[in-house]
């Protein structure tokens, strides 16, 4: 299987199996995290 296809399949698996993600940023050297919901669709 081509490397790009493997990566795409892994990302699709993550979108199917997870409904929440952690978004991390920083400001003035301080870390901030936010719990965010997301939804993925098949773009094909």
PDB file of N, CA and C in Angstrom:
ATOM      1  N   UNK A   1       0.850  -1.177   0.000  1.00  0.00           N
ATOM      2  CA  UNK A   1       0.000   0.000   0.000  1.00  0.00           C
ATOM      3  C   UNK A   1       0.896   1.241   0.000  1.00  0.00           C
ATOM      4  N   UNK A   2       0.536   2.202  -0.802  1.00  0.00           N
ATOM      5  CA  UNK A   2       1.296   3.444  -0.900  1.00  0.00           C
ATOM      6  C   UNK A   2       1.290   4.201   0.433  1.00  0.00           C
ATOM      7  N   UNK A   3       2.371   4.870   0.749  1.00  0.00           N
ATOM      8  CA  UNK A   3       2.511   5.581   2.031  1.00  0.00           C
ATOM      9  C   UNK A   3       1.398   6.616   2.220  1.00  0.00           C
ATOM     10  N   UNK A   4       1.081   7.375   1.183  1.00  0.00           N
ATOM     11  CA  UNK A   4       0.022   8.388   1.269  1.00  0.00           C
ATOM     12  C   UNK A   4      -1.320   7.751   1.595  1.00  0.00           C
ATOM     13  N   UNK A   5      -1.600   6.614   1.017  1.00  0.00           N
ATOM     14  CA  UNK A   5      -2.851   5.902   1.273  1.00  0.00           C
ATOM     15  C   UNK A   5      -2.904   5.424   2.715  1.00  0.00           C
ATOM     16  N   UNK A   6      -1.793   4.937   3.238  1.00  0.00           N
ATOM     17  CA  UNK A   6      -1.734   4.494   4.634  1.00  0.00           C
ATOM     18  C   UNK A   6      -2.021   5.653   5.584  1.00  0.00           C
ATOM     19  N   UNK A   7      -1.414   6.795   5.304  1.00  0.00           N
ATOM     20  CA  UNK A   7      -1.629   7.970   6.151  1.00  0.00           C
ATOM     21  C   UNK A   7      -3.085   8.407   6.093  1.00  0.00           C
ATOM     22  N   UNK A   8      -3.651   8.457   4.899  1.00  0.00           N
ATOM     23  CA  UNK A   8      -5.056   8.845   4.733  1.00  0.00           C
ATOM     24  C   UNK A   8      -5.976   7.891   5.487  1.00  0.00           C
ATOM     25  N   UNK A   9      -5.720   6.608   5.393  1.00  0.00           N
ATOM     26  CA  UNK A   9      -6.544   5.617   6.096  1.00  0.00           C
ATOM     27  C   UNK A   9      -6.464   5.797   7.608  1.00  0.00           C
ATOM     28  N   UNK A  10      -5.279   6.090   8.121  1.00  0.00           N
ATOM     29  CA  UNK A  10      -5.106   6.304   9.561  1.00  0.00           C
ATOM     30  C   UNK A  10      -5.875   7.545  10.020  1.00  0.00           C
ATOM     31  N   UNK A  11      -5.813   8.613   9.249  1.00  0.00           N
ATOM     32  CA  UNK A  11      -6.556   9.828   9.582  1.00  0.00           C
ATOM     33  C   UNK A  11      -8.061   9.553   9.567  1.00  0.00           C
ATOM     34  N   UNK A  12      -8.538   8.821   8.583  1.00  0.00           N
ATOM     35  CA  UNK A  12      -9.959   8.464   8.524  1.00  0.00           C
ATOM     36  C   UNK A  12     -10.366   7.646   9.743  1.00  0.00           C
ATOM     37  N   UNK A  13      -9.524   6.699  10.165  1.00  0.00           N
ATOM     38  CA  UNK A  13      -9.805   5.903  11.362  1.00  0.00           C
ATOM     39  C   UNK A  13      -9.939   6.799  12.593  1.00  0.00           C
ATOM     40  N   UNK A  14      -9.052   7.784  12.706  1.00  0.00           N
ATOM     41  CA  UNK A  14      -9.101   8.703  13.846  1.00  0.00           C
ATOM     42  C   UNK A  14     -10.390   9.524  13.832  1.00  0.00           C
ATOM     43  N   UNK A  15     -10.797  10.012  12.678  1.00  0.00           N
ATOM     44  CA  UNK A  15     -12.036  10.790  12.577  1.00  0.00           C
ATOM     45  C   UNK A  15     -13.253   9.949  12.944  1.00  0.00           C
ATOM     46  N   UNK A  16     -13.244   8.686  12.576  1.00  0.00           N
ATOM     47  CA  UNK A  16     -14.374   7.799  12.877  1.00  0.00           C
ATOM     48  C   UNK A  16     -14.412   7.452  14.360  1.00  0.00           C
ATOM     49  N   UNK A  17     -13.248   7.224  14.961  1.00  0.00           N
ATOM     50  CA  UNK A  17     -13.210   6.717  16.338  1.00  0.00           C
ATOM     51  C   UNK A  17     -13.185   7.796  17.414  1.00  0.00           C
ATOM     52  N   UNK A  18     -12.933   9.039  17.044  1.00  0.00           N
ATOM     53  CA  UNK A  18     -12.842  10.126  18.028  1.00  0.00           C
ATOM     54  C   UNK A  18     -13.825  11.231  17.686  1.00  0.00           C
ATOM     55  N   UNK A  19     -14.425  11.803  18.705  1.00  0.00           N
ATOM     56  CA  UNK A  19     -15.366  12.904  18.497  1.00  0.00           C
ATOM     57  C   UNK A  19     -14.889  14.193  19.151  1.00  0.00           C
ATOM     58  N   UNK A  20     -13.813  14.108  19.943  1.00  0.00           N
ATOM     59  CA  UNK A  20     -13.260  15.268  20.627  1.00  0.00           C
ATOM     60  C   UNK A  20     -11.767  15.362  20.346  1.00  0.00           C
ATOM     61  N   UNK A  21     -11.259  16.593  20.401  1.00  0.00           N
ATOM     62  CA  UNK A  21      -9.831  16.817  20.223  1.00  0.00           C
ATOM     63  C   UNK A  21      -9.399  17.926  21.177  1.00  0.00           C
ATOM     64  N   UNK A  22      -8.110  18.013  21.404  1.00  0.00           N
ATOM     65  CA  UNK A  22      -7.566  19.078  22.231  1.00  0.00           C
ATOM     66  C   UNK A  22      -6.802  20.029  21.312  1.00  0.00           C
ATOM     67  N   UNK A  23      -7.217  21.282  21.333  1.00  0.00           N
ATOM     68  CA  UNK A  23      -6.551  22.328  20.576  1.00  0.00           C
ATOM     69  C   UNK A  23      -5.619  23.060  21.536  1.00  0.00           C
ATOM     70  N   UNK A  24      -4.348  23.129  21.198  1.00  0.00           N
ATOM     71  CA  UNK A  24      -3.389  23.785  22.089  1.00  0.00           C
ATOM     72  C   UNK A  24      -2.799  25.011  21.411  1.00  0.00           C
ATOM     73  N   UNK A  25      -2.667  26.071  22.181  1.00  0.00           N
ATOM     74  CA  UNK A  25      -2.051  27.310  21.720  1.00  0.00           C
ATOM     75  C   UNK A  25      -1.193  27.853  22.855  1.00  0.00           C
ATOM     76  N   UNK A  26      -0.501  28.929  22.568  1.00  0.00           N
ATOM     77  CA  UNK A  26       0.242  29.596  23.638  1.00  0.00           C
ATOM     78  C   UNK A  26       0.160  31.098  23.429  1.00  0.00           C
ATOM     79  N   UNK A  27       0.276  31.825  24.532  1.00  0.00           N
ATOM     80  CA  UNK A  27       0.248  33.277  24.499  1.00  0.00           C
ATOM     81  C   UNK A  27       1.175  33.772  25.597  1.00  0.00           C
ATOM     82  N   UNK A  28       2.106  34.594  25.229  1.00  0.00           N
ATOM     83  CA  UNK A  28       3.078  35.136  26.176  1.00  0.00           C
ATOM     84  C   UNK A  28       3.777  34.027  26.956  1.00  0.00           C
ATOM     85  N   UNK A  29       4.066  32.929  26.266  1.00  0.00           N
ATOM     86  CA  UNK A  29       4.777  31.830  26.901  1.00  0.00           C
ATOM     87  C   UNK A  29       3.921  30.922  27.757  1.00  0.00           C
ATOM     88  N   UNK A  30       2.623  31.184  27.840  1.00  0.00           N
ATOM     89  CA  UNK A  30       1.720  30.368  28.644  1.00  0.00           C
ATOM     90  C   UNK A  30       0.894  29.446  27.742  1.00  0.00           C
ATOM     91  N   UNK A  31       0.828  28.159  28.075  1.00  0.00           N
ATOM     92  CA  UNK A  31       0.040  27.248  27.254  1.00  0.00           C
ATOM     93  C   UNK A  31      -1.451  27.341  27.582  1.00  0.00           C
ATOM     94  N   UNK A  32      -2.265  27.163  26.564  1.00  0.00           N
ATOM     95  CA  UNK A  32      -3.714  27.116  26.723  1.00  0.00           C
ATOM     96  C   UNK A  32      -4.234  25.905  25.967  1.00  0.00           C
ATOM     97  N   UNK A  33      -5.213  25.244  26.533  1.00  0.00           N
ATOM     98  CA  UNK A  33      -5.833  24.109  25.857  1.00  0.00           C
ATOM     99  C   UNK A  33      -7.343  24.286  25.841  1.00  0.00           C
ATOM    100  N   UNK A  34      -7.946  23.783  24.780  1.00  0.00           N
ATOM    101  CA  UNK A  34      -9.401  23.806  24.645  1.00  0.00           C
ATOM    102  C   UNK A  34      -9.857  22.448  24.146  1.00  0.00           C
ATOM    103  N   UNK A  35     -10.912  21.933  24.739  1.00  0.00           N
ATOM    104  CA  UNK A  35     -11.519  20.695  24.273  1.00  0.00           C
ATOM    105  C   UNK A  35     -12.541  21.064  23.204  1.00  0.00           C
ATOM    106  N   UNK A  36     -12.391  20.510  22.014  1.00  0.00           N
ATOM    107  CA  UNK A  36     -13.273  20.857  20.905  1.00  0.00           C
ATOM    108  C   UNK A  36     -13.896  19.599  20.307  1.00  0.00           C
ATOM    109  N   UNK A  37     -15.135  19.729  19.909  1.00  0.00           N
ATOM    110  CA  UNK A  37     -15.815  18.651  19.196  1.00  0.00           C
ATOM    111  C   UNK A  37     -15.575  18.843  17.706  1.00  0.00           C
ATOM    112  N   UNK A  38     -15.530  17.756  16.961  1.00  0.00           N
ATOM    113  CA  UNK A  38     -15.402  17.876  15.506  1.00  0.00           C
ATOM    114  C   UNK A  38     -16.176  16.763  14.841  1.00  0.00           C
ATOM    115  N   UNK A  39     -16.443  16.953  13.577  1.00  0.00           N
ATOM    116  CA  UNK A  39     -17.180  15.976  12.786  1.00  0.00           C
ATOM    117  C   UNK A  39     -16.493  15.862  11.446  1.00  0.00           C
ATOM    118  N   UNK A  40     -16.228  14.671  11.015  1.00  0.00           N
ATOM    119  CA  UNK A  40     -15.597  14.458   9.718  1.00  0.00           C
ATOM    120  C   UNK A  40     -16.565  13.782   8.759  1.00  0.00           C
ATOM    121  N   UNK A  41     -16.412  14.120   7.487  1.00  0.00           N
ATOM    122  CA  UNK A  41     -17.192  13.471   6.443  1.00  0.00           C
ATOM    123  C   UNK A  41     -16.236  12.934   5.384  1.00  0.00           C
ATOM    124  N   UNK A  42     -16.706  12.009   4.632  1.00  0.00           N
ATOM    125  CA  UNK A  42     -15.914  11.447   3.554  1.00  0.00           C
ATOM    126  C   UNK A  42     -16.024  12.386   2.353  1.00  0.00           C
ATOM    127  N   UNK A  43     -14.912  12.985   1.969  1.00  0.00           N
ATOM    128  CA  UNK A  43     -14.904  13.972   0.892  1.00  0.00           C
ATOM    129  C   UNK A  43     -14.873  13.336  -0.501  1.00  0.00           C
ATOM    130  N   UNK A  44     -14.831  12.031  -0.573  1.00  0.00           N
ATOM    131  CA  UNK A  44     -14.765  11.368  -1.891  1.00  0.00           C
ATOM    132  C   UNK A  44     -16.081  11.378  -2.586  1.00  0.00           C
TER     133      UNK A  44
END
